[in-house]
Amino acid sequence: MTSNGVETPDGPTYKRLKLSESESSIDEDKRLRKYVNYQQMLASQSIPTATTPYVMKTLKLQDANRKKILITGGAGFVGSHLTDRLMMQGHEVVVLDNFFTGQKKNIEHWIHHPNFSLVRHDVTEPILLEVDQIYHLACPASPPHYQYNPVKTIKTSTMGTINMLGLAKRVKARILLASTSEIYGDPLVHPQPETYWGNVNTLGPRSCYDEGKRVAETMMHAYKNQNGVETRIARIFNTFGPRMHPNDGRVVSNFIIQCLQGKSITIYGDGLQTRSFQYVSDLINGLVKLMNSDYDNPVNIGNPDEYSIGQFAEEIKEMTGSKSEITYLPKVADDPTQRKADITIAKKYLDWEPKVHVKEGLKKAITYFQSVLDQAGEIVPTGPDASKPTA
């Protein structure tokens, strides 16, 4: 310091200031590196949530190999699992959902990821996007939910499919329709091959869904033949697993929730009607294989293992250790007496068949529904009558 009190570069205050500036610069570099590392981490995986409490890693694809894929109904049960698969493969995924039955919590673990986009939109209204593939899953699939607003259900299957086919035609995208085994109605042929035309009541309570999907298949076929659109049609049989809506009124969710709460297990009819149940990961494998195959006719995606509803109730009761009693109520109108997938086509052209045994899948579903009950406290199962989905 000089005699007049002016600080010199060699003075202690000046040195402390220089040191402080140097430390500040180092701290800023550390913060910047930490931020960059954090962003890289967010771009490489999902973030655990209450609904999806684990991490899924994403591949980093070259631009030439990365597709932009639209999933309508992507926040629903099946759509969210398909989102997981495509995100982990490294693709860009656009989820489009109006959240009638879909739930944001099913896909919130991807909200942060740069390859993920969420669009709140109703497929009955046109939308302009640039995509390479379209998985058209949008439509309520449980009878109580699709019967709540049958006109809207029909519009979703018809107008929604026309809008997605129009988009596919414009951008030259391949489109896969999530059709259903319900197009076979109450079948007179067992098991059901893709060549079977079905036995459907066009005026029954389920017809808004059954006939809507049949028309959607017809439109897919017409756009393929007339406009050269690349189409794929998956006829999906009963599917279960985590993220099923707890109030969807379907057999698996109702039986598990009733057993876990010690409530009566309700069977509508004599319990002799049969179904074939597949675990959701098997369905996702089938959908992805079909989309990327050269086969463009309808394909059954289901597990050929057949259970009577009564047998299935006893299985879940035993697995949960429940003391619930089984209550038999009047049969629901137009409820199919039998359902079993003939998967010969899937085996031949997709090299696909289910890998997860029903019992193994049920263990995972029971664990999931127990966690849902722990959060909710109590869940009242939905009956067969039309009802609006609850949160």
Foldseek 3Di string as FASTA:
>chain_A
DDPVPDDDCPDPVNVVVVVVVVVVVVVVVVVVVVVVVVLVVLQFWFDADLQRRDIAGADADDPVPAWEEEEEVLQADLNLVLVSVNRNPRHQYEYEYQPQPGDPVSNVRNPSHPSYHYHNDQLLDADADAGAEYEYEDAQDFLQACLQDLVVRLSCLPSSLVRVLVNCLVNVHEYEYAAAPCLQFQHPDPADDLPRRHDHDCPDSCNSRNVSRVVSLVVQVCCCVPRVRHYAYEHEFAEDARRHQLASQDLLSQLLQCQLVLEAREDAPPQQAKGFYAYSVLVSLLVVLRSPFPDHGYFYRTAQDMDGSVRVSVLSNVVNVGPHHYDYHHHDPSDHRYYGDDHPVCCVGRVGHGDDDPSNRSVRRSVNVVSVCVVVVHDDYHHSHHDRRDD
